[in-house]
Amino acid sequence: TLPMFTSWALGHFQDSSQVLELPVLRTILTLVVIILIPVGIG
């Protein structure tokens, strides 16, 4: 959901010439590594 809301906000609030594309796949992979793996370790 975080990449979804971020991508929507970037497209809605930013000017069309300044839109920053959120790397959705990279974001999902980053959150998996920083959430799933450490919780499992703990």
PDB file of all heavy atoms in Angstrom:
ATOM      1  N   THR A   1       0.801  -1.227   0.000  1.00  0.00           N
ATOM      2  CA  THR A   1       0.000   0.000   0.000  1.00  0.00           C
ATOM      3  C   THR A   1       0.834   1.278   0.000  1.00  0.00           C
ATOM      4  O   THR A   1       0.431   2.275  -0.596  1.00  0.00           O
ATOM      5  CB  THR A   1      -0.944   0.021   1.220  1.00  0.00           C
ATOM      6  OG1 THR A   1      -0.164  -0.062   2.430  1.00  0.00           O
ATOM      7  CG2 THR A   1      -1.920  -1.142   1.163  1.00  0.00           C
ATOM      8  N   LEU A   2       2.000   1.273   0.646  1.00  0.00           N
ATOM      9  CA  LEU A   2       2.826   2.489   0.686  1.00  0.00           C
ATOM     10  C   LEU A   2       3.298   2.904  -0.713  1.00  0.00           C
ATOM     11  O   LEU A   2       3.176   4.084  -1.072  1.00  0.00           O
ATOM     12  CB  LEU A   2       4.005   2.306   1.633  1.00  0.00           C
ATOM     13  CG  LEU A   2       4.950   3.508   1.783  1.00  0.00           C
ATOM     14  CD1 LEU A   2       4.198   4.762   2.195  1.00  0.00           C
ATOM     15  CD2 LEU A   2       6.062   3.204   2.789  1.00  0.00           C
ATOM     16  N   PRO A   3       3.821   1.987  -1.526  1.00  0.00           N
ATOM     17  CA  PRO A   3       4.161   2.386  -2.900  1.00  0.00           C
ATOM     18  C   PRO A   3       2.950   2.866  -3.694  1.00  0.00           C
ATOM     19  O   PRO A   3       3.069   3.796  -4.507  1.00  0.00           O
ATOM     20  CB  PRO A   3       4.734   1.091  -3.506  1.00  0.00           C
ATOM     21  CG  PRO A   3       5.240   0.322  -2.338  1.00  0.00           C
ATOM     22  CD  PRO A   3       4.278   0.623  -1.232  1.00  0.00           C
ATOM     23  N   MET A   4       1.777   2.272  -3.460  1.00  0.00           N
ATOM     24  CA  MET A   4       0.571   2.677  -4.177  1.00  0.00           C
ATOM     25  C   MET A   4       0.199   4.115  -3.832  1.00  0.00           C
ATOM     26  O   MET A   4      -0.035   4.940  -4.729  1.00  0.00           O
ATOM     27  CB  MET A   4      -0.580   1.723  -3.847  1.00  0.00           C
ATOM     28  CG  MET A   4      -0.447   0.335  -4.426  1.00  0.00           C
ATOM     29  SD  MET A   4      -1.752  -0.783  -3.846  1.00  0.00           S
ATOM     30  CE  MET A   4      -3.213   0.130  -4.296  1.00  0.00           C
ATOM     31  N   PHE A   5       0.119   4.444  -2.544  1.00  0.00           N
ATOM     32  CA  PHE A   5      -0.245   5.801  -2.134  1.00  0.00           C
ATOM     33  C   PHE A   5       0.820   6.805  -2.563  1.00  0.00           C
ATOM     34  O   PHE A   5       0.493   7.932  -2.965  1.00  0.00           O
ATOM     35  CB  PHE A   5      -0.443   5.862  -0.617  1.00  0.00           C
ATOM     36  CG  PHE A   5      -1.808   5.444  -0.162  1.00  0.00           C
ATOM     37  CD1 PHE A   5      -1.999   4.252   0.534  1.00  0.00           C
ATOM     38  CD2 PHE A   5      -2.923   6.226  -0.421  1.00  0.00           C
ATOM     39  CE1 PHE A   5      -3.264   3.854   0.945  1.00  0.00           C
ATOM     40  CE2 PHE A   5      -4.198   5.844  -0.011  1.00  0.00           C
ATOM     41  CZ  PHE A   5      -4.365   4.643   0.674  1.00  0.00           C
ATOM     42  N   THR A   6       2.090   6.409  -2.480  1.00  0.00           N
ATOM     43  CA  THR A   6       3.168   7.326  -2.877  1.00  0.00           C
ATOM     44  C   THR A   6       3.116   7.630  -4.365  1.00  0.00           C
ATOM     45  O   THR A   6       3.229   8.792  -4.779  1.00  0.00           O
ATOM     46  CB  THR A   6       4.537   6.723  -2.510  1.00  0.00           C
ATOM     47  OG1 THR A   6       4.582   6.459  -1.105  1.00  0.00           O
ATOM     48  CG2 THR A   6       5.657   7.686  -2.869  1.00  0.00           C
ATOM     49  N   SER A   7       2.938   6.601  -5.166  1.00  0.00           N
ATOM     50  CA  SER A   7       2.853   6.808  -6.616  1.00  0.00           C
ATOM     51  C   SER A   7       1.669   7.694  -6.973  1.00  0.00           C
ATOM     52  O   SER A   7       1.788   8.590  -7.823  1.00  0.00           O
ATOM     53  CB  SER A   7       2.740   5.457  -7.332  1.00  0.00           C
ATOM     54  OG  SER A   7       3.900   4.681  -7.142  1.00  0.00           O
ATOM     55  N   TRP A   8       0.542   7.476  -6.310  1.00  0.00           N
ATOM     56  CA  TRP A   8      -0.639   8.300  -6.589  1.00  0.00           C
ATOM     57  C   TRP A   8      -0.372   9.754  -6.192  1.00  0.00           C
ATOM     58  O   TRP A   8      -0.708  10.677  -6.937  1.00  0.00           O
ATOM     59  CB  TRP A   8      -1.848   7.780  -5.823  1.00  0.00           C
ATOM     60  CG  TRP A   8      -3.072   8.621  -6.057  1.00  0.00           C
ATOM     61  CD1 TRP A   8      -3.992   8.484  -7.056  1.00  0.00           C
ATOM     62  CD2 TRP A   8      -3.485   9.761  -5.283  1.00  0.00           C
ATOM     63  NE1 TRP A   8      -4.956   9.464  -6.957  1.00  0.00           N
ATOM     64  CE2 TRP A   8      -4.667  10.261  -5.892  1.00  0.00           C
ATOM     65  CE3 TRP A   8      -2.973  10.403  -4.156  1.00  0.00           C
ATOM     66  CZ2 TRP A   8      -5.341  11.375  -5.390  1.00  0.00           C
ATOM     67  CZ3 TRP A   8      -3.645  11.510  -3.667  1.00  0.00           C
ATOM     68  CH2 TRP A   8      -4.810  11.985  -4.271  1.00  0.00           C
ATOM     69  N   ALA A   9       0.218   9.964  -5.021  1.00  0.00           N
ATOM     70  CA  ALA A   9       0.474  11.326  -4.552  1.00  0.00           C
ATOM     71  C   ALA A   9       1.457  12.047  -5.468  1.00  0.00           C
ATOM     72  O   ALA A   9       1.287  13.238  -5.752  1.00  0.00           O
ATOM     73  CB  ALA A   9       1.015  11.292  -3.116  1.00  0.00           C
ATOM     74  N   LEU A  10       2.483  11.339  -5.938  1.00  0.00           N
ATOM     75  CA  LEU A  10       3.450  11.957  -6.844  1.00  0.00           C
ATOM     76  C   LEU A  10       2.769  12.419  -8.126  1.00  0.00           C
ATOM     77  O   LEU A  10       3.023  13.519  -8.627  1.00  0.00           O
ATOM     78  CB  LEU A  10       4.562  10.966  -7.181  1.00  0.00           C
ATOM     79  CG  LEU A  10       5.588  10.697  -6.078  1.00  0.00           C
ATOM     80  CD1 LEU A  10       6.484   9.532  -6.452  1.00  0.00           C
ATOM     81  CD2 LEU A  10       6.419  11.940  -5.799  1.00  0.00           C
ATOM     82  N   GLY A  11       1.886  11.590  -8.660  1.00  0.00           N
ATOM     83  CA  GLY A  11       1.199  11.951  -9.893  1.00  0.00           C
ATOM     84  C   GLY A  11       0.153  13.026  -9.712  1.00  0.00           C
ATOM     85  O   GLY A  11      -0.103  13.821 -10.611  1.00  0.00           O
ATOM     86  N   HIS A  12      -0.456  13.088  -8.524  1.00  0.00           N
ATOM     87  CA  HIS A  12      -1.554  14.028  -8.295  1.00  0.00           C
ATOM     88  C   HIS A  12      -1.065  15.411  -7.885  1.00  0.00           C
ATOM     89  O   HIS A  12      -1.593  16.423  -8.354  1.00  0.00           O
ATOM     90  CB  HIS A  12      -2.486  13.479  -7.217  1.00  0.00           C
ATOM     91  CG  HIS A  12      -3.668  14.363  -6.932  1.00  0.00           C
ATOM     92  ND1 HIS A  12      -4.776  14.401  -7.742  1.00  0.00           N
ATOM     93  CD2 HIS A  12      -3.903  15.249  -5.925  1.00  0.00           C
ATOM     94  CE1 HIS A  12      -5.657  15.272  -7.256  1.00  0.00           C
ATOM     95  NE2 HIS A  12      -5.148  15.789  -6.146  1.00  0.00           N
ATOM     96  N   PHE A  13      -0.069  15.486  -6.992  1.00  0.00           N
ATOM     97  CA  PHE A  13       0.339  16.768  -6.424  1.00  0.00           C
ATOM     98  C   PHE A  13       1.506  17.419  -7.168  1.00  0.00           C
ATOM     99  O   PHE A  13       1.643  18.636  -7.143  1.00  0.00           O
ATOM    100  CB  PHE A  13       0.718  16.600  -4.954  1.00  0.00           C
ATOM    101  CG  PHE A  13      -0.443  16.274  -4.057  1.00  0.00           C
ATOM    102  CD1 PHE A  13      -0.575  15.017  -3.490  1.00  0.00           C
ATOM    103  CD2 PHE A  13      -1.420  17.224  -3.788  1.00  0.00           C
ATOM    104  CE1 PHE A  13      -1.642  14.708  -2.661  1.00  0.00           C
ATOM    105  CE2 PHE A  13      -2.496  16.928  -2.967  1.00  0.00           C
ATOM    106  CZ  PHE A  13      -2.607  15.666  -2.412  1.00  0.00           C
ATOM    107  N   GLN A  14       2.370  16.631  -7.780  1.00  0.00           N
ATOM    108  CA  GLN A  14       3.515  17.205  -8.475  1.00  0.00           C
ATOM    109  C   GLN A  14       3.097  17.735  -9.843  1.00  0.00           C
ATOM    110  O   GLN A  14       2.172  17.223 -10.465  1.00  0.00           O
ATOM    111  CB  GLN A  14       4.611  16.153  -8.658  1.00  0.00           C
ATOM    112  CG  GLN A  14       5.272  15.710  -7.362  1.00  0.00           C
ATOM    113  CD  GLN A  14       6.287  16.715  -6.857  1.00  0.00           C
ATOM    114  OE1 GLN A  14       7.046  17.276  -7.619  1.00  0.00           O
ATOM    115  NE2 GLN A  14       6.319  16.923  -5.552  1.00  0.00           N
ATOM    116  N   ASP A  15       3.794  18.802 -10.317  1.00  0.00           N
ATOM    117  CA  ASP A  15       3.575  19.271 -11.680  1.00  0.00           C
ATOM    118  C   ASP A  15       3.999  18.178 -12.653  1.00  0.00           C
ATOM    119  O   ASP A  15       4.915  17.402 -12.376  1.00  0.00           O
ATOM    120  CB  ASP A  15       4.398  20.535 -11.950  1.00  0.00           C
ATOM    121  CG  ASP A  15       3.942  21.701 -11.083  1.00  0.00           C
ATOM    122  OD1 ASP A  15       2.761  21.702 -10.691  1.00  0.00           O
ATOM    123  OD2 ASP A  15       4.772  22.585 -10.802  1.00  0.00           O
ATOM    124  N   SER A  16       3.324  18.135 -13.813  1.00  0.00           N
ATOM    125  CA  SER A  16       3.612  17.072 -14.766  1.00  0.00           C
ATOM    126  C   SER A  16       5.075  17.061 -15.195  1.00  0.00           C
ATOM    127  O   SER A  16       5.643  16.020 -15.507  1.00  0.00           O
ATOM    128  CB  SER A  16       2.719  17.226 -16.006  1.00  0.00           C
ATOM    129  OG  SER A  16       2.921  18.503 -16.606  1.00  0.00           O
ATOM    130  N   SER A  17       5.708  18.234 -15.195  1.00  0.00           N
ATOM    131  CA  SER A  17       7.105  18.309 -15.614  1.00  0.00           C
ATOM    132  C   SER A  17       8.074  17.940 -14.499  1.00  0.00           C
ATOM    133  O   SER A  17       9.266  17.807 -14.726  1.00  0.00           O
ATOM    134  CB  SER A  17       7.435  19.726 -16.095  1.00  0.00           C
ATOM    135  OG  SER A  17       7.219  20.659 -15.025  1.00  0.00           O
ATOM    136  N   GLN A  18       7.549  17.768 -13.284  1.00  0.00           N
ATOM    137  CA  GLN A  18       8.418  17.490 -12.137  1.00  0.00           C
ATOM    138  C   GLN A  18       8.067  16.189 -11.430  1.00  0.00           C
ATOM    139  O   GLN A  18       8.540  15.942 -10.342  1.00  0.00           O
ATOM    140  CB  GLN A  18       8.327  18.637 -11.127  1.00  0.00           C
ATOM    141  CG  GLN A  18       8.781  19.980 -11.673  1.00  0.00           C
ATOM    142  CD  GLN A  18       8.621  21.087 -10.650  1.00  0.00           C
ATOM    143  OE1 GLN A  18       7.926  20.935  -9.653  1.00  0.00           O
ATOM    144  NE2 GLN A  18       9.281  22.209 -10.887  1.00  0.00           N
ATOM    145  N   VAL A  19       7.237  15.371 -12.038  1.00  0.00           N
ATOM    146  CA  VAL A  19       6.809  14.133 -11.391  1.00  0.00           C
ATOM    147  C   VAL A  19       8.008  13.210 -11.175  1.00  0.00           C
ATOM    148  O   VAL A  19       8.798  12.976 -12.085  1.00  0.00           O
ATOM    149  CB  VAL A  19       5.739  13.411 -12.240  1.00  0.00           C
ATOM    150  CG1 VAL A  19       5.473  12.016 -11.677  1.00  0.00           C
ATOM    151  CG2 VAL A  19       4.455  14.214 -12.259  1.00  0.00           C
ATOM    152  N   LEU A  20       8.138  12.719  -9.958  1.00  0.00           N
ATOM    153  CA  LEU A  20       9.181  11.751  -9.640  1.00  0.00           C
ATOM    154  C   LEU A  20       8.543  10.366  -9.587  1.00  0.00           C
ATOM    155  O   LEU A  20       7.608  10.145  -8.829  1.00  0.00           O
ATOM    156  CB  LEU A  20       9.822  12.068  -8.286  1.00  0.00           C
ATOM    157  CG  LEU A  20      10.535  13.410  -8.158  1.00  0.00           C
ATOM    158  CD1 LEU A  20      10.997  13.609  -6.724  1.00  0.00           C
ATOM    159  CD2 LEU A  20      11.705  13.483  -9.107  1.00  0.00           C
ATOM    160  N   GLU A  21       9.048   9.483 -10.407  1.00  0.00           N
ATOM    161  CA  GLU A  21       8.497   8.133 -10.436  1.00  0.00           C
ATOM    162  C   GLU A  21       9.087   7.299  -9.305  1.00  0.00           C
ATOM    163  O   GLU A  21      10.298   7.147  -9.206  1.00  0.00           O
ATOM    164  CB  GLU A  21       8.796   7.465 -11.783  1.00  0.00           C
ATOM    165  CG  GLU A  21       8.059   8.081 -12.957  1.00  0.00           C
ATOM    166  CD  GLU A  21       6.550   7.900 -12.872  1.00  0.00           C
ATOM    167  OE1 GLU A  21       6.110   6.928 -12.231  1.00  0.00           O
ATOM    168  OE2 GLU A  21       5.824   8.726 -13.445  1.00  0.00           O
ATOM    169  N   LEU A  22       8.228   6.783  -8.461  1.00  0.00           N
ATOM    170  CA  LEU A  22       8.692   5.925  -7.374  1.00  0.00           C
ATOM    171  C   LEU A  22       9.026   4.542  -7.937  1.00  0.00           C
ATOM    172  O   LEU A  22       8.197   3.940  -8.613  1.00  0.00           O
ATOM    173  CB  LEU A  22       7.606   5.778  -6.306  1.00  0.00           C
ATOM    174  CG  LEU A  22       7.921   4.815  -5.166  1.00  0.00           C
ATOM    175  CD1 LEU A  22       9.019   5.383  -4.292  1.00  0.00           C
ATOM    176  CD2 LEU A  22       6.675   4.545  -4.344  1.00  0.00           C
ATOM    177  N   PRO A  23      10.232   4.044  -7.699  1.00  0.00           N
ATOM    178  CA  PRO A  23      10.583   2.697  -8.159  1.00  0.00           C
ATOM    179  C   PRO A  23       9.840   1.646  -7.330  1.00  0.00           C
ATOM    180  O   PRO A  23      10.321   1.204  -6.289  1.00  0.00           O
ATOM    181  CB  PRO A  23      12.104   2.630  -7.935  1.00  0.00           C
ATOM    182  CG  PRO A  23      12.364   3.615  -6.857  1.00  0.00           C
ATOM    183  CD  PRO A  23      11.353   4.711  -7.025  1.00  0.00           C
ATOM    184  N   VAL A  24       8.646   1.294  -7.799  1.00  0.00           N
ATOM    185  CA  VAL A  24       7.757   0.452  -7.000  1.00  0.00           C
ATOM    186  C   VAL A  24       8.407  -0.879  -6.652  1.00  0.00           C
ATOM    187  O   VAL A  24       8.390  -1.311  -5.488  1.00  0.00           O
ATOM    188  CB  VAL A  24       6.419   0.221  -7.745  1.00  0.00           C
ATOM    189  CG1 VAL A  24       5.532  -0.739  -6.955  1.00  0.00           C
ATOM    190  CG2 VAL A  24       5.710   1.534  -7.979  1.00  0.00           C
ATOM    191  N   LEU A  25       8.989  -1.562  -7.633  1.00  0.00           N
ATOM    192  CA  LEU A  25       9.597  -2.865  -7.372  1.00  0.00           C
ATOM    193  C   LEU A  25      10.721  -2.740  -6.355  1.00  0.00           C
ATOM    194  O   LEU A  25      10.824  -3.534  -5.413  1.00  0.00           O
ATOM    195  CB  LEU A  25      10.115  -3.484  -8.672  1.00  0.00           C
ATOM    196  CG  LEU A  25      10.780  -4.863  -8.532  1.00  0.00           C
ATOM    197  CD1 LEU A  25       9.787  -5.867  -7.929  1.00  0.00           C
ATOM    198  CD2 LEU A  25      11.295  -5.345  -9.880  1.00  0.00           C
ATOM    199  N   ARG A  26      11.560  -1.715  -6.535  1.00  0.00           N
ATOM    200  CA  ARG A  26      12.663  -1.507  -5.601  1.00  0.00           C
ATOM    201  C   ARG A  26      12.130  -1.206  -4.209  1.00  0.00           C
ATOM    202  O   ARG A  26      12.676  -1.677  -3.196  1.00  0.00           O
ATOM    203  CB  ARG A  26      13.543  -0.355  -6.083  1.00  0.00           C
ATOM    204  CG  ARG A  26      14.701  -0.052  -5.131  1.00  0.00           C
ATOM    205  CD  ARG A  26      15.442   1.197  -5.568  1.00  0.00           C
ATOM    206  NE  ARG A  26      16.403   1.638  -4.557  1.00  0.00           N
ATOM    207  CZ  ARG A  26      17.004   2.812  -4.572  1.00  0.00           C
ATOM    208  NH1 ARG A  26      16.751   3.671  -5.545  1.00  0.00           N
ATOM    209  NH2 ARG A  26      17.843   3.155  -3.620  1.00  0.00           N
ATOM    210  N   THR A  27      11.050  -0.424  -4.137  1.00  0.00           N
ATOM    211  CA  THR A  27      10.463  -0.097  -2.844  1.00  0.00           C
ATOM    212  C   THR A  27       9.950  -1.352  -2.144  1.00  0.00           C
ATOM    213  O   THR A  27      10.183  -1.568  -0.948  1.00  0.00           O
ATOM    214  CB  THR A  27       9.312   0.906  -3.015  1.00  0.00           C
ATOM    215  OG1 THR A  27       9.806   2.071  -3.672  1.00  0.00           O
ATOM    216  CG2 THR A  27       8.735   1.302  -1.661  1.00  0.00           C
ATOM    217  N   ILE A  28       9.229  -2.183  -2.892  1.00  0.00           N
ATOM    218  CA  ILE A  28       8.682  -3.412  -2.317  1.00  0.00           C
ATOM    219  C   ILE A  28       9.808  -4.319  -1.824  1.00  0.00           C
ATOM    220  O   ILE A  28       9.758  -4.852  -0.701  1.00  0.00           O
ATOM    221  CB  ILE A  28       7.797  -4.149  -3.342  1.00  0.00           C
ATOM    222  CG1 ILE A  28       6.535  -3.332  -3.620  1.00  0.00           C
ATOM    223  CG2 ILE A  28       7.426  -5.541  -2.828  1.00  0.00           C
ATOM    224  CD1 ILE A  28       5.649  -3.926  -4.697  1.00  0.00           C
ATOM    225  N   LEU A  29      10.853  -4.478  -2.651  1.00  0.00           N
ATOM    226  CA  LEU A  29      11.977  -5.318  -2.254  1.00  0.00           C
ATOM    227  C   LEU A  29      12.682  -4.751  -1.021  1.00  0.00           C
ATOM    228  O   LEU A  29      13.084  -5.498  -0.120  1.00  0.00           O
ATOM    229  CB  LEU A  29      12.969  -5.442  -3.414  1.00  0.00           C
ATOM    230  CG  LEU A  29      12.486  -6.253  -4.629  1.00  0.00           C
ATOM    231  CD1 LEU A  29      13.527  -6.216  -5.745  1.00  0.00           C
ATOM    232  CD2 LEU A  29      12.190  -7.692  -4.235  1.00  0.00           C
ATOM    233  N   THR A  30      12.812  -3.419  -0.981  1.00  0.00           N
ATOM    234  CA  THR A  30      13.448  -2.780   0.169  1.00  0.00           C
ATOM    235  C   THR A  30      12.661  -3.026   1.444  1.00  0.00           C
ATOM    236  O   THR A  30      13.225  -3.359   2.499  1.00  0.00           O
ATOM    237  CB  THR A  30      13.587  -1.262  -0.072  1.00  0.00           C
ATOM    238  OG1 THR A  30      14.380  -1.035  -1.240  1.00  0.00           O
ATOM    239  CG2 THR A  30      14.251  -0.585   1.127  1.00  0.00           C
ATOM    240  N   LEU A  31      11.338  -2.882   1.364  1.00  0.00           N
ATOM    241  CA  LEU A  31      10.507  -3.087   2.543  1.00  0.00           C
ATOM    242  C   LEU A  31      10.504  -4.548   2.979  1.00  0.00           C
ATOM    243  O   LEU A  31      10.450  -4.843   4.180  1.00  0.00           O
ATOM    244  CB  LEU A  31       9.075  -2.615   2.256  1.00  0.00           C
ATOM    245  CG  LEU A  31       8.906  -1.105   2.057  1.00  0.00           C
ATOM    246  CD1 LEU A  31       7.470  -0.776   1.678  1.00  0.00           C
ATOM    247  CD2 LEU A  31       9.325  -0.344   3.293  1.00  0.00           C
ATOM    248  N   VAL A  32      10.574  -5.466   2.008  1.00  0.00           N
ATOM    249  CA  VAL A  32      10.649  -6.884   2.356  1.00  0.00           C
ATOM    250  C   VAL A  32      11.922  -7.155   3.154  1.00  0.00           C
ATOM    251  O   VAL A  32      11.904  -7.815   4.191  1.00  0.00           O
ATOM    252  CB  VAL A  32      10.614  -7.764   1.088  1.00  0.00           C
ATOM    253  CG1 VAL A  32      10.995  -9.206   1.435  1.00  0.00           C
ATOM    254  CG2 VAL A  32       9.224  -7.741   0.471  1.00  0.00           C
ATOM    255  N   VAL A  33      13.039  -6.613   2.662  1.00  0.00           N
ATOM    256  CA  VAL A  33      14.328  -6.843   3.316  1.00  0.00           C
ATOM    257  C   VAL A  33      14.371  -6.201   4.693  1.00  0.00           C
ATOM    258  O   VAL A  33      14.924  -6.749   5.645  1.00  0.00           O
ATOM    259  CB  VAL A  33      15.474  -6.299   2.439  1.00  0.00           C
ATOM    260  CG1 VAL A  33      16.796  -6.315   3.199  1.00  0.00           C
ATOM    261  CG2 VAL A  33      15.591  -7.122   1.167  1.00  0.00           C
ATOM    262  N   ILE A  34      13.760  -5.006   4.822  1.00  0.00           N
ATOM    263  CA  ILE A  34      13.891  -4.267   6.080  1.00  0.00           C
ATOM    264  C   ILE A  34      12.761  -4.580   7.058  1.00  0.00           C
ATOM    265  O   ILE A  34      12.815  -4.183   8.219  1.00  0.00           O
ATOM    266  CB  ILE A  34      13.975  -2.758   5.776  1.00  0.00           C
ATOM    267  CG1 ILE A  34      15.273  -2.476   5.047  1.00  0.00           C
ATOM    268  CG2 ILE A  34      13.906  -1.914   7.027  1.00  0.00           C
ATOM    269  CD1 ILE A  34      15.574  -1.027   4.824  1.00  0.00           C
ATOM    270  N   ILE A  35      11.745  -5.326   6.625  1.00  0.00           N
ATOM    271  CA  ILE A  35      10.655  -5.674   7.538  1.00  0.00           C
ATOM    272  C   ILE A  35      10.591  -7.183   7.782  1.00  0.00           C
ATOM    273  O   ILE A  35      10.693  -7.650   8.913  1.00  0.00           O
ATOM    274  CB  ILE A  35       9.298  -5.155   7.015  1.00  0.00           C
ATOM    275  CG1 ILE A  35       9.252  -3.631   7.075  1.00  0.00           C
ATOM    276  CG2 ILE A  35       8.145  -5.737   7.835  1.00  0.00           C
ATOM    277  CD1 ILE A  35       7.993  -3.020   6.491  1.00  0.00           C
ATOM    278  N   LEU A  36      10.439  -7.975   6.721  1.00  0.00           N
ATOM    279  CA  LEU A  36      10.233  -9.407   6.890  1.00  0.00           C
ATOM    280  C   LEU A  36      11.448 -10.107   7.481  1.00  0.00           C
ATOM    281  O   LEU A  36      11.327 -10.864   8.454  1.00  0.00           O
ATOM    282  CB  LEU A  36       9.888 -10.035   5.537  1.00  0.00           C
ATOM    283  CG  LEU A  36       8.479  -9.777   4.997  1.00  0.00           C
ATOM    284  CD1 LEU A  36       8.322 -10.427   3.627  1.00  0.00           C
ATOM    285  CD2 LEU A  36       7.424 -10.304   5.950  1.00  0.00           C
ATOM    286  N   ILE A  37      12.608  -9.855   6.895  1.00  0.00           N
ATOM    287  CA  ILE A  37      13.806 -10.577   7.334  1.00  0.00           C
ATOM    288  C   ILE A  37      14.181 -10.264   8.789  1.00  0.00           C
ATOM    289  O   ILE A  37      14.383 -11.179   9.591  1.00  0.00           O
ATOM    290  CB  ILE A  37      14.987 -10.292   6.387  1.00  0.00           C
ATOM    291  CG1 ILE A  37      14.687 -10.899   5.014  1.00  0.00           C
ATOM    292  CG2 ILE A  37      16.296 -10.843   6.957  1.00  0.00           C
ATOM    293  CD1 ILE A  37      15.750 -10.628   3.973  1.00  0.00           C
ATOM    294  N   PRO A  38      14.254  -8.967   9.184  1.00  0.00           N
ATOM    295  CA  PRO A  38      14.640  -8.703  10.577  1.00  0.00           C
ATOM    296  C   PRO A  38      13.630  -9.193  11.602  1.00  0.00           C
ATOM    297  O   PRO A  38      14.013  -9.625  12.685  1.00  0.00           O
ATOM    298  CB  PRO A  38      14.795  -7.182  10.624  1.00  0.00           C
ATOM    299  CG  PRO A  38      14.012  -6.673   9.475  1.00  0.00           C
ATOM    300  CD  PRO A  38      14.129  -7.721   8.416  1.00  0.00           C
ATOM    301  N   VAL A  39      12.331  -9.116  11.276  1.00  0.00           N
ATOM    302  CA  VAL A  39      11.327  -9.645  12.209  1.00  0.00           C
ATOM    303  C   VAL A  39      11.540 -11.141  12.394  1.00  0.00           C
ATOM    304  O   VAL A  39      11.474 -11.670  13.506  1.00  0.00           O
ATOM    305  CB  VAL A  39       9.905  -9.348  11.705  1.00  0.00           C
ATOM    306  CG1 VAL A  39       8.878 -10.161  12.500  1.00  0.00           C
ATOM    307  CG2 VAL A  39       9.593  -7.867  11.856  1.00  0.00           C
ATOM    308  N   GLY A  40      11.817 -11.831  11.288  1.00  0.00           N
ATOM    309  CA  GLY A  40      12.092 -13.269  11.377  1.00  0.00           C
ATOM    310  C   GLY A  40      13.328 -13.563  12.206  1.00  0.00           C
ATOM    311  O   GLY A  40      13.359 -14.505  12.999  1.00  0.00           O
ATOM    312  N   ILE A  41      14.360 -12.727  12.040  1.00  0.00           N
ATOM    313  CA  ILE A  41      15.581 -12.895  12.830  1.00  0.00           C
ATOM    314  C   ILE A  41      15.282 -12.709  14.318  1.00  0.00           C
ATOM    315  O   ILE A  41      15.721 -13.498  15.168  1.00  0.00           O
ATOM    316  CB  ILE A  41      16.665 -11.896  12.374  1.00  0.00           C
ATOM    317  CG1 ILE A  41      17.162 -12.245  10.976  1.00  0.00           C
ATOM    318  CG2 ILE A  41      17.833 -11.878  13.365  1.00  0.00           C
ATOM    319  CD1 ILE A  41      18.119 -11.224  10.390  1.00  0.00           C
ATOM    320  N   GLY A  42      14.533 -11.660  14.632  1.00  0.00           N
ATOM    321  CA  GLY A  42      14.207 -11.394  16.029  1.00  0.00           C
ATOM    322  C   GLY A  42      13.410 -12.526  16.660  1.00  0.00           C
ATOM    323  O   GLY A  42      13.683 -12.942  17.797  1.00  0.00           O
TER     324      GLY A  42
END
